[in-house]
Amino acid sequence: MEMKLRKYIAIALACTGVLLTSCEKFLEQAPDMRTKIDEVEKVAQLVGSAYPNYNYLAMSEFYSDNIADKGPAIGHNDDPYQSYYFWEDVQGSGNNTPTQYWNGVYAAIAAANQALEAIEKENFGTSVNAYKGEALVARAYNHFMLALFFAQPYNIGGDNSSPGIPYVERPETVALAQYSRETVKDTYDKIRKDLEEGLPLLQGGYWKVPKYHFNSSSAHAFAARFYLFTGEYDKAIAAANNVFQNGDFTGKLRPITTTIQGYSLAEQLIEYTKADKDYNLLLTETYSVFQRTSSSVYSRFGYGQRKYREFFNTPVFTGTTMYSRGISYNSGQHYSVYMYNEYFYYTNVQAGIGYPYIMQPLFTSDEALINRAEAYVHKGDFGRALADVNQFLSVRVSNFSLSTHGLTIDKAKESFGSDDPKEALIKAILAIKQRAFLSEGIRWMDIVRHKLPVSHIDIATDDTETVRVLEPNDLRRVFQIPSEASLAGVQQNPR
């Protein structure tokens, strides 16, 4: 296992940072990105750094309704998990904090910008096109994720004049650059521009390990997600159709109830993040202790028995229960879906110190398919939507039978209390996604996109329960921008 140095440039800050990599990915990285980028291979190596080295899992999961209070006598009350559960601003820049993620994403953007500047200055010819495309799509993705957490949601067909996030398109050349947040509309327009400029350049690109890069498949999966946020449903469908040839996802979804169900726990951990699996479209290594029992798993606020039973012992709709191989600890008090295998890079083997990290799937074929299904619903094409949903369920329900377990419009209406087929199917898809992508942060994306209320239960020492609701217009739904960014002229979010 190796490590690399890269130029770490964040808003209002320039310094050198350390990024951990897997063995394979290290082979694609140069050890020092401060050298002159005057060869296509150097551009390729630099663009490999255009991905965040921290993740959003704690932020998105513990803010969402995937989490419940297990009780005052169960688990630890450590931050940031407690603060997230109560929708409070998290202080500091430690592991799993918004500040850490903000800095990590802007560091990735800095790498993309440095690569694009080199491409602009040097005469590389068409051989650099794929890496230019990767840099543009990576820059679009990174700004999109920042907007998801740190700006108001995009209003489809509505007002988007609220502050966006600083869209950085050039490498920093001064010690303390100043930035404007512009508007949400500006932010999304620039994301769209980078994405649509970058996508065609990826065709025919070559990467030693394609799943560690935005290639054509993973970039189109990102496009499908983005266009759902902007309400461009035809584009979302077209993007999802380009993830695999002819839009065919057959045999390319996570085989949860077939192959993986028969694996040992150790095998399961490795399987979820293998780079040679069709269902993994984009993987990246992120410094993280999220999977540890001493971290998120043993928090008082977590998945727990209540949520596990709600998601996997209760039908998602009439007659159909989804499968998950949940792992319980401490006599069933704590649960984990057990999908992230933690690796550890030792900086000093004798002292036993180093850096923990996980390989995180940023995009999967499963998400691309179910996003296409939702886009079909918005277009009123319920037949194609149901075909996609049932293909998705075929690997998520044990012994799946279309006649027994398949979703229909009538089942959706009955189960979700709506006579409107579009509303009923959207509710069904969101419920399926919540269970299918537990621990992956996808639920928060749907909460933001559909402006869903979030309910959290607080359990007192006498076992009485209080329900608190984070309403769609609550200012706390937008994560606070790090205070350090104010040095660069970036205004914080209102509270």
Protein backbone atom coordinates (compact mmCIF):
# COMPACT_ATOMS: atom_id res chain seq x y z
CA MET A 1 0.00 0.00 0.00
CA GLU A 2 1.31 3.40 -0.92
CA MET A 3 0.67 7.06 -0.29
CA LYS A 4 1.13 10.19 -2.36
CA LEU A 5 1.53 13.90 -1.94
CA ARG A 6 -0.60 16.31 -3.87
CA LYS A 7 -1.17 20.00 -3.91
CA TYR A 8 -3.97 20.67 -1.45
CA ILE A 9 -5.76 23.89 -2.31
CA ALA A 10 -9.00 24.76 -0.51
CA ILE A 11 -10.99 27.96 -0.24
CA ALA A 12 -8.88 30.54 1.64
CA LEU A 13 -6.13 27.99 2.21
CA ALA A 14 -3.12 26.62 0.33
CA CYS A 15 -1.06 23.82 1.80
CA THR A 16 0.24 20.33 1.07
CA GLY A 17 -1.98 17.38 1.95
CA VAL A 18 -1.68 13.63 2.10
CA LEU A 19 -3.96 11.37 0.11
CA LEU A 20 -4.13 7.64 0.62
CA THR A 21 -4.55 5.33 -2.32
CA SER A 22 -5.05 1.67 -3.05
CA CYS A 23 -2.18 -0.22 -4.66
CA GLU A 24 -3.76 -0.15 -8.12
CA LYS A 25 -4.68 3.50 -8.06
CA PHE A 26 -1.24 4.52 -6.83
CA LEU A 27 0.22 3.21 -10.07
CA GLU A 28 -1.74 5.91 -11.88
CA GLN A 29 -0.55 8.77 -9.67
CA ALA A 30 2.60 10.86 -9.72
CA PRO A 31 4.16 11.32 -6.24
CA ASP A 32 4.53 15.10 -6.61
CA MET A 33 2.08 17.16 -8.66
CA ARG A 34 4.07 20.40 -8.36
CA THR A 35 6.22 19.44 -11.38
CA LYS A 36 5.54 20.96 -14.78
CA ILE A 37 2.63 19.23 -16.49
CA ASP A 38 4.09 18.98 -19.98
CA GLU A 39 3.14 15.44 -21.03
CA VAL A 40 -0.21 13.75 -21.56
CA GLU A 41 0.74 11.05 -19.04
CA LYS A 42 1.33 13.73 -16.41
CA VAL A 43 -2.10 15.21 -17.13
CA ALA A 44 -3.63 11.76 -16.70
CA GLN A 45 -1.86 11.30 -13.37
CA LEU A 46 -2.94 14.73 -12.14
CA VAL A 47 -6.59 14.24 -13.08
CA GLY A 48 -6.53 11.09 -10.96
CA SER A 49 -6.36 13.46 -7.96
CA ALA A 50 -9.59 15.28 -8.94
CA TYR A 51 -11.73 13.20 -6.56
CA PRO A 52 -12.49 14.01 -2.90
CA ASN A 53 -10.33 12.15 -0.40
CA TYR A 54 -13.02 12.49 2.28
CA ASN A 55 -16.64 11.35 2.16
CA TYR A 56 -20.11 12.60 3.01
CA LEU A 57 -21.48 9.41 4.58
CA ALA A 58 -21.85 10.66 8.16
CA MET A 59 -23.30 13.99 7.00
CA SER A 60 -25.92 12.50 4.73
CA GLU A 61 -26.89 9.45 6.78
CA PHE A 62 -27.16 11.00 10.23
CA TYR A 63 -29.06 14.05 8.97
CA SER A 64 -31.60 11.82 7.22
CA ASP A 65 -34.48 9.64 8.37
CA ASN A 66 -32.32 6.52 8.03
CA ILE A 67 -31.30 7.09 11.64
CA ALA A 68 -33.11 6.77 14.98
CA ASP A 69 -32.42 7.21 18.68
CA LYS A 70 -31.60 3.79 20.13
CA GLY A 71 -32.16 5.01 23.68
CA PRO A 72 -30.20 6.96 26.32
CA ALA A 73 -28.50 3.84 27.70
CA ILE A 74 -27.37 2.53 24.32
CA GLY A 75 -24.21 3.62 22.55
CA HIS A 76 -22.04 6.72 22.75
CA ASN A 77 -23.09 10.36 22.35
CA ASP A 78 -19.96 11.46 20.51
CA ASP A 79 -19.84 14.11 17.85
CA PRO A 80 -20.33 14.61 15.01
CA TYR A 81 -23.11 12.01 15.14
CA GLN A 82 -25.06 13.59 17.97
CA SER A 83 -24.90 17.05 16.41
CA TYR A 84 -26.02 15.66 13.06
CA TYR A 85 -28.96 13.88 14.66
CA PHE A 86 -30.14 17.12 16.26
CA TRP A 87 -29.41 19.05 13.03
CA GLU A 88 -26.86 21.25 14.75
CA ASP A 89 -23.81 22.82 13.14
CA VAL A 90 -20.78 20.57 13.63
CA GLN A 91 -17.70 22.29 15.00
CA GLY A 92 -14.12 21.60 13.97
CA SER A 93 -12.59 19.96 10.93
CA GLY A 94 -12.08 16.41 12.16
CA ASN A 95 -13.14 13.16 10.56
CA ASN A 96 -16.67 13.05 9.13
CA THR A 97 -17.24 16.80 9.53
CA PRO A 98 -18.65 19.18 6.89
CA THR A 99 -15.47 21.28 7.03
CA GLN A 100 -13.34 18.25 6.24
CA TYR A 101 -15.54 17.37 3.27
CA TRP A 102 -15.62 20.98 2.01
CA ASN A 103 -11.82 21.20 2.07
CA GLY A 104 -11.40 17.79 0.47
CA VAL A 105 -13.75 18.61 -2.39
CA TYR A 106 -12.08 21.94 -3.13
CA ALA A 107 -8.71 20.18 -3.11
CA ALA A 108 -10.07 17.83 -5.78
CA ILE A 109 -11.35 20.82 -7.76
CA ALA A 110 -7.87 22.37 -7.55
CA ALA A 111 -6.37 19.26 -9.17
CA ALA A 112 -8.95 19.36 -11.97
CA ASN A 113 -8.25 23.04 -12.58
CA GLN A 114 -4.50 22.52 -12.66
CA ALA A 115 -4.93 19.79 -15.26
CA LEU A 116 -7.25 21.93 -17.38
CA GLU A 117 -4.82 24.85 -17.22
CA ALA A 118 -1.98 22.61 -18.41
CA ILE A 119 -4.13 21.36 -21.28
CA GLU A 120 -4.93 24.93 -22.23
CA LYS A 121 -1.27 26.02 -22.22
CA GLU A 122 0.33 22.98 -23.84
CA ASN A 123 -0.21 21.64 -27.34
CA PHE A 124 -1.16 18.07 -26.50
CA GLY A 125 -3.48 17.49 -29.45
CA THR A 126 -6.43 15.09 -29.37
CA SER A 127 -4.57 12.51 -27.27
CA VAL A 128 -5.47 14.50 -24.15
CA ASN A 129 -9.19 14.74 -24.89
CA ALA A 130 -10.30 11.96 -22.54
CA TYR A 131 -8.39 13.46 -19.62
CA LYS A 132 -9.78 16.91 -20.37
CA GLY A 133 -13.23 15.34 -20.35
CA GLU A 134 -12.49 13.61 -17.05
CA ALA A 135 -11.28 16.87 -15.48
CA LEU A 136 -14.38 18.76 -16.63
CA VAL A 137 -16.80 16.08 -15.39
CA ALA A 138 -14.91 15.75 -12.10
CA ARG A 139 -15.07 19.52 -11.61
CA ALA A 140 -18.80 19.45 -12.33
CA TYR A 141 -19.36 16.56 -9.91
CA ASN A 142 -17.37 18.17 -7.11
CA HIS A 143 -19.26 21.45 -7.35
CA PHE A 144 -22.55 19.55 -7.57
CA MET A 145 -21.83 17.73 -4.31
CA LEU A 146 -20.88 20.99 -2.60
CA ALA A 147 -24.13 22.56 -3.80
CA LEU A 148 -26.08 19.55 -2.52
CA PHE A 149 -24.87 20.09 1.04
CA PHE A 150 -24.01 23.78 1.31
CA ALA A 151 -26.63 25.58 -0.82
CA GLN A 152 -30.41 25.67 -1.07
CA PRO A 153 -31.95 23.01 -3.34
CA TYR A 154 -32.45 23.65 -7.02
CA ASN A 155 -36.10 24.58 -7.63
CA ILE A 156 -37.32 22.97 -10.85
CA GLY A 157 -39.10 25.68 -12.79
CA GLY A 158 -38.86 28.04 -9.81
CA ASP A 159 -36.66 30.68 -8.23
CA ASN A 160 -32.98 29.79 -7.91
CA SER A 161 -31.61 33.16 -6.86
CA SER A 162 -30.47 32.02 -3.40
CA PRO A 163 -26.69 31.82 -2.83
CA GLY A 164 -24.95 28.92 -4.54
CA ILE A 165 -21.37 27.88 -3.84
CA PRO A 166 -18.11 29.36 -5.20
CA TYR A 167 -17.50 27.79 -8.61
CA VAL A 168 -13.74 27.69 -8.95
CA GLU A 169 -12.54 27.43 -12.55
CA ARG A 170 -8.88 28.48 -12.29
CA PRO A 171 -5.96 27.42 -10.06
CA GLU A 172 -5.28 29.79 -7.18
CA THR A 173 -2.38 32.12 -7.89
CA VAL A 174 -2.53 34.25 -4.72
CA ALA A 175 -2.32 33.31 -1.06
CA LEU A 176 -5.80 34.53 -0.20
CA ALA A 177 -8.08 34.58 -3.22
CA GLN A 178 -11.58 36.05 -2.89
CA TYR A 179 -14.68 34.21 -4.08
CA SER A 180 -18.34 34.94 -4.71
CA ARG A 181 -21.14 32.47 -4.10
CA GLU A 182 -23.20 33.77 -7.07
CA THR A 183 -26.61 32.02 -7.18
CA VAL A 184 -27.90 28.45 -7.22
CA LYS A 185 -28.85 29.01 -10.87
CA ASP A 186 -25.30 30.13 -11.69
CA THR A 187 -23.86 27.12 -9.91
CA TYR A 188 -26.09 24.62 -11.74
CA ASP A 189 -25.57 26.34 -15.09
CA LYS A 190 -21.80 25.99 -14.69
CA ILE A 191 -22.13 22.36 -13.58
CA ARG A 192 -24.21 21.65 -16.68
CA LYS A 193 -21.71 23.41 -18.93
CA ASP A 194 -18.73 21.44 -17.60
CA LEU A 195 -20.66 18.17 -17.67
CA GLU A 196 -21.94 18.56 -21.21
CA GLU A 197 -18.57 19.73 -22.51
CA GLY A 198 -16.76 16.87 -20.82
CA LEU A 199 -19.07 13.94 -21.65
CA PRO A 200 -18.31 13.59 -25.39
CA LEU A 201 -14.57 13.89 -24.77
CA LEU A 202 -14.60 10.69 -22.71
CA GLN A 203 -15.49 8.45 -25.64
CA GLY A 204 -12.62 6.12 -26.44
CA GLY A 205 -10.58 7.14 -23.39
CA TYR A 206 -8.10 4.74 -21.82
CA TRP A 207 -7.41 4.32 -18.11
CA LYS A 208 -5.37 1.61 -16.43
CA VAL A 209 -8.17 1.12 -13.88
CA PRO A 210 -11.26 2.74 -15.45
CA LYS A 211 -13.40 2.40 -12.31
CA TYR A 212 -11.18 4.93 -10.50
CA HIS A 213 -12.02 7.60 -13.06
CA PHE A 214 -14.94 9.34 -14.68
CA ASN A 215 -15.18 7.29 -17.84
CA SER A 216 -18.14 7.39 -20.20
CA SER A 217 -20.29 5.01 -18.10
CA SER A 218 -19.77 6.65 -14.72
CA ALA A 219 -20.02 10.16 -16.18
CA HIS A 220 -23.40 9.31 -17.68
CA ALA A 221 -24.51 7.91 -14.32
CA PHE A 222 -23.62 11.28 -12.80
CA ALA A 223 -25.50 13.02 -15.60
CA ALA A 224 -28.61 10.94 -14.88
CA ARG A 225 -28.46 12.03 -11.23
CA PHE A 226 -27.85 15.67 -12.12
CA TYR A 227 -30.72 15.88 -14.60
CA LEU A 228 -33.14 14.50 -12.04
CA PHE A 229 -32.20 17.44 -9.82
CA THR A 230 -32.81 19.92 -12.65
CA GLY A 231 -35.99 18.28 -13.94
CA GLU A 232 -34.51 17.50 -17.37
CA TYR A 233 -36.05 14.05 -17.53
CA ASP A 234 -35.43 13.28 -21.19
CA LYS A 235 -31.76 13.98 -20.62
CA ALA A 236 -31.79 11.82 -17.47
CA ILE A 237 -33.21 8.89 -19.44
CA ALA A 238 -30.74 9.37 -22.28
CA ALA A 239 -27.83 9.54 -19.82
CA ALA A 240 -28.90 6.36 -18.02
CA ASN A 241 -29.26 4.64 -21.41
CA ASN A 242 -25.60 5.46 -22.10
CA VAL A 243 -24.29 3.81 -18.93
CA PHE A 244 -24.35 0.44 -20.71
CA GLN A 245 -24.72 -0.42 -24.36
CA ASN A 246 -28.34 -0.13 -25.54
CA GLY A 247 -29.37 0.90 -22.03
CA ASP A 248 -29.38 -2.76 -20.96
CA PHE A 249 -28.71 -3.35 -17.24
CA THR A 250 -29.26 -7.12 -17.40
CA GLY A 251 -26.64 -8.91 -15.30
CA LYS A 252 -25.01 -5.64 -14.30
CA LEU A 253 -26.71 -4.91 -10.96
CA ARG A 254 -25.45 -5.82 -7.51
CA PRO A 255 -26.37 -9.50 -7.08
CA ILE A 256 -27.54 -8.98 -3.50
CA THR A 257 -29.93 -11.93 -3.22
CA THR A 258 -27.94 -14.28 -5.41
CA THR A 259 -24.14 -14.26 -5.37
CA ILE A 260 -23.48 -11.86 -2.48
CA GLN A 261 -26.05 -13.47 -0.19
CA GLY A 262 -23.99 -16.67 -0.23
CA TYR A 263 -20.69 -15.01 0.61
CA SER A 264 -19.02 -14.90 3.99
CA LEU A 265 -18.94 -11.54 5.73
CA ALA A 266 -15.31 -11.01 4.77
CA GLU A 267 -16.06 -11.85 1.14
CA GLN A 268 -19.09 -9.55 1.15
CA LEU A 269 -17.02 -6.59 2.32
CA ILE A 270 -14.55 -7.02 -0.51
CA GLU A 271 -17.19 -7.74 -3.14
CA TYR A 272 -19.03 -4.43 -2.73
CA THR A 273 -16.01 -2.37 -3.73
CA LYS A 274 -14.25 -4.47 -6.38
CA ALA A 275 -13.13 -2.51 -9.42
CA ASP A 276 -13.88 -5.37 -11.81
CA LYS A 277 -17.61 -5.48 -11.07
CA ASP A 278 -20.02 -4.03 -13.62
CA TYR A 279 -22.20 -2.55 -10.90
CA ASN A 280 -19.37 -0.39 -9.56
CA LEU A 281 -19.12 2.53 -11.98
CA LEU A 282 -16.86 4.86 -9.99
CA LEU A 283 -14.82 4.07 -6.88
CA THR A 284 -12.62 6.35 -4.83
CA GLU A 285 -10.57 5.95 -1.67
CA THR A 286 -11.58 8.20 1.21
CA TYR A 287 -9.97 8.67 4.60
CA SER A 288 -12.66 7.36 6.96
CA VAL A 289 -13.48 5.57 10.19
CA PHE A 290 -17.20 5.52 9.31
CA GLN A 291 -17.42 1.72 9.25
CA ARG A 292 -15.87 1.24 12.68
CA THR A 293 -18.03 0.07 15.57
CA SER A 294 -16.35 2.67 17.77
CA SER A 295 -17.44 5.37 15.31
CA SER A 296 -20.86 5.46 13.63
CA VAL A 297 -21.99 1.91 14.37
CA TYR A 298 -21.93 2.23 18.17
CA SER A 299 -23.42 5.72 18.23
CA ARG A 300 -26.60 6.10 20.24
CA PHE A 301 -28.09 7.59 17.11
CA GLY A 302 -27.84 5.10 14.28
CA TYR A 303 -29.54 2.34 12.34
CA GLY A 304 -30.39 0.19 15.35
CA GLN A 305 -33.05 -2.44 15.69
CA ARG A 306 -35.97 -0.05 15.10
CA LYS A 307 -34.75 1.10 11.71
CA TYR A 308 -33.56 -2.32 10.63
CA ARG A 309 -36.98 -3.82 11.29
CA GLU A 310 -38.67 -0.91 9.51
CA PHE A 311 -36.58 -1.33 6.39
CA PHE A 312 -36.01 -5.08 6.09
CA ASN A 313 -38.64 -6.86 8.22
CA THR A 314 -41.50 -4.76 6.87
CA PRO A 315 -42.86 -4.86 3.31
CA VAL A 316 -41.77 -1.92 1.17
CA PHE A 317 -45.16 -2.27 -0.51
CA THR A 318 -47.91 -4.88 -0.37
CA GLY A 319 -46.45 -8.38 -0.46
CA THR A 320 -42.80 -7.39 -1.04
CA THR A 321 -40.01 -7.21 1.54
CA MET A 322 -36.49 -6.26 0.53
CA TYR A 323 -33.47 -8.21 1.74
CA SER A 324 -30.41 -6.96 3.60
CA ARG A 325 -27.78 -8.93 5.42
CA GLY A 326 -27.66 -6.63 8.42
CA ILE A 327 -25.04 -7.29 11.06
CA SER A 328 -25.99 -6.71 14.69
CA TYR A 329 -23.73 -6.03 17.66
CA ASN A 330 -24.27 -6.04 21.42
CA SER A 331 -27.36 -8.27 21.42
CA GLY A 332 -29.02 -6.48 18.55
CA GLN A 333 -28.64 -2.96 19.88
CA HIS A 334 -26.51 -1.77 16.97
CA TYR A 335 -26.76 -2.62 13.27
CA SER A 336 -24.61 -2.17 10.21
CA VAL A 337 -25.28 -3.01 6.58
CA TYR A 338 -21.61 -4.01 6.49
CA MET A 339 -20.51 -2.92 3.03
CA TYR A 340 -17.34 -0.85 3.55
CA ASN A 341 -14.07 -2.68 4.07
CA GLU A 342 -11.64 -0.49 6.03
CA TYR A 343 -8.02 -0.54 4.94
CA PHE A 344 -5.16 0.92 6.92
CA TYR A 345 -1.97 2.54 5.72
CA TYR A 346 0.75 2.39 8.38
CA THR A 347 3.01 5.42 8.57
CA ASN A 348 4.83 3.73 11.45
CA VAL A 349 4.32 -0.01 11.73
CA GLN A 350 6.11 -0.37 15.05
CA ALA A 351 4.03 2.39 16.64
CA GLY A 352 0.88 1.10 15.00
CA ILE A 353 -0.12 4.50 13.61
CA GLY A 354 -1.33 5.47 10.18
CA TYR A 355 -4.43 6.30 8.15
CA PRO A 356 -7.71 4.36 7.85
CA TYR A 357 -9.64 4.56 4.61
CA ILE A 358 -12.41 2.89 2.67
CA MET A 359 -13.06 2.41 -1.02
CA GLN A 360 -16.37 4.19 -1.62
CA PRO A 361 -18.64 3.57 -4.61
CA LEU A 362 -19.62 7.08 -5.80
CA PHE A 363 -21.79 5.74 -8.63
CA THR A 364 -23.36 2.34 -9.21
CA SER A 365 -25.43 0.79 -11.94
CA ASP A 366 -28.19 0.24 -9.39
CA GLU A 367 -28.63 3.96 -8.83
CA ALA A 368 -28.51 4.70 -12.56
CA LEU A 369 -31.29 2.20 -13.25
CA ILE A 370 -33.62 3.38 -10.50
CA ASN A 371 -32.97 7.00 -11.50
CA ARG A 372 -34.07 6.11 -15.02
CA ALA A 373 -37.21 4.56 -13.57
CA GLU A 374 -38.06 7.79 -11.75
CA ALA A 375 -37.41 9.86 -14.88
CA TYR A 376 -39.83 7.61 -16.80
CA VAL A 377 -42.47 8.23 -14.12
CA HIS A 378 -42.06 11.99 -14.46
CA LYS A 379 -42.55 11.59 -18.21
CA GLY A 380 -45.71 9.54 -17.67
CA ASP A 381 -44.15 6.39 -19.15
CA PHE A 382 -45.30 4.11 -16.35
CA GLY A 383 -44.73 0.88 -18.29
CA ARG A 384 -41.01 1.46 -18.73
CA ALA A 385 -40.75 2.76 -15.18
CA LEU A 386 -42.27 -0.40 -13.76
CA ALA A 387 -40.00 -2.57 -15.92
CA ASP A 388 -36.95 -0.81 -14.46
CA VAL A 389 -38.24 -0.98 -10.89
CA ASN A 390 -38.97 -4.68 -11.14
CA GLN A 391 -35.60 -5.39 -12.70
CA PHE A 392 -34.09 -3.58 -9.72
CA LEU A 393 -36.20 -5.59 -7.27
CA SER A 394 -35.27 -8.87 -8.94
CA VAL A 395 -31.86 -8.74 -7.20
CA ARG A 396 -33.15 -7.16 -3.96
CA VAL A 397 -35.96 -9.54 -3.03
CA SER A 398 -35.22 -13.15 -2.08
CA ASN A 399 -36.70 -15.67 -4.53
CA PHE A 400 -38.15 -12.82 -6.56
CA SER A 401 -41.24 -13.61 -8.61
CA LEU A 402 -42.66 -10.90 -10.85
CA SER A 403 -46.24 -12.04 -10.27
CA THR A 404 -45.79 -12.15 -6.49
CA HIS A 405 -43.26 -9.43 -5.71
CA GLY A 406 -43.40 -7.13 -8.71
CA LEU A 407 -44.58 -3.54 -8.34
CA THR A 408 -47.76 -2.52 -10.15
CA ILE A 409 -49.63 0.77 -10.25
CA ASP A 410 -52.43 -0.72 -8.14
CA LYS A 411 -49.97 -1.95 -5.51
CA ALA A 412 -48.32 1.47 -5.42
CA LYS A 413 -51.67 3.23 -4.99
CA GLU A 414 -52.74 0.87 -2.23
CA SER A 415 -49.45 0.88 -0.34
CA PHE A 416 -48.76 4.61 -0.50
CA GLY A 417 -52.27 5.97 -0.16
CA SER A 418 -52.58 7.85 -3.41
CA ASP A 419 -55.00 7.62 -6.33
CA ASP A 420 -52.54 9.48 -8.54
CA PRO A 421 -50.37 6.87 -10.30
CA LYS A 422 -47.45 9.28 -10.71
CA GLU A 423 -47.41 10.25 -7.03
CA ALA A 424 -47.83 6.64 -5.92
CA LEU A 425 -44.99 5.39 -8.12
CA ILE A 426 -42.63 8.17 -7.02
CA LYS A 427 -43.33 7.31 -3.37
CA ALA A 428 -42.69 3.63 -4.12
CA ILE A 429 -39.39 4.37 -5.84
CA LEU A 430 -38.22 6.59 -2.99
CA ALA A 431 -39.10 3.90 -0.42
CA ILE A 432 -37.25 1.26 -2.44
CA LYS A 433 -34.21 3.50 -2.78
CA GLN A 434 -34.14 4.26 0.94
CA ARG A 435 -33.77 0.58 1.75
CA ALA A 436 -31.51 -0.30 -1.15
CA PHE A 437 -28.91 2.42 -0.55
CA LEU A 438 -28.82 2.48 3.24
CA SER A 439 -25.43 3.84 4.43
CA GLU A 440 -24.55 5.27 0.97
CA GLY A 441 -25.91 8.81 1.33
CA ILE A 442 -28.47 8.49 -1.45
CA ARG A 443 -31.45 9.05 0.85
CA TRP A 444 -30.30 12.59 1.69
CA MET A 445 -30.09 13.38 -2.01
CA ASP A 446 -33.74 12.33 -2.40
CA ILE A 447 -34.75 14.31 0.69
CA VAL A 448 -33.14 17.42 -0.78
CA ARG A 449 -34.48 16.86 -4.29
CA HIS A 450 -38.07 16.11 -3.26
CA LYS A 451 -38.06 18.51 -0.30
CA LEU A 452 -39.13 15.73 2.07
CA PRO A 453 -39.59 16.37 5.80
CA VAL A 454 -37.28 14.41 8.09
CA SER A 455 -38.50 12.98 11.40
CA HIS A 456 -36.22 12.07 14.30
CA ILE A 457 -37.35 10.47 17.55
CA ASP A 458 -35.79 11.44 20.88
CA ILE A 459 -36.08 8.89 23.70
CA ALA A 460 -35.99 10.23 27.25
CA THR A 461 -34.67 8.36 30.29
CA ASP A 462 -38.27 7.35 31.17
CA ASP A 463 -38.68 5.91 27.64
CA THR A 464 -41.09 8.62 26.50
CA GLU A 465 -40.58 9.60 22.89
CA THR A 466 -40.62 13.02 21.27
CA VAL A 467 -40.80 13.41 17.51
CA ARG A 468 -38.92 16.33 15.95
CA VAL A 469 -39.35 17.25 12.30
CA LEU A 470 -36.94 19.02 9.98
CA GLU A 471 -39.34 20.72 7.60
CA PRO A 472 -38.48 21.47 3.96
CA ASN A 473 -38.09 25.21 4.65
CA ASP A 474 -35.89 24.78 7.73
CA LEU A 475 -32.61 26.66 7.31
CA ARG A 476 -30.73 23.88 9.11
CA ARG A 477 -31.22 21.58 6.10
CA VAL A 478 -28.35 23.45 4.45
CA PHE A 479 -25.01 22.62 6.08
CA GLN A 480 -23.04 25.54 7.40
CA ILE A 481 -20.16 26.74 5.27
CA PRO A 482 -16.86 26.52 7.21
CA SER A 483 -16.06 29.71 9.09
CA GLU A 484 -12.55 29.73 7.59
CA ALA A 485 -14.09 30.36 4.16
CA SER A 486 -15.16 33.82 5.31
CA LEU A 487 -11.49 34.83 4.92
CA ALA A 488 -12.04 34.33 1.21
CA GLY A 489 -15.20 36.44 1.21
CA VAL A 490 -17.60 33.49 1.25
CA GLN A 491 -20.74 34.30 3.22
CA GLN A 492 -22.08 31.70 5.62
CA ASN A 493 -25.55 30.27 5.43
CA PRO A 494 -28.28 31.91 7.53
CA ARG A 495 -29.42 30.27 10.73
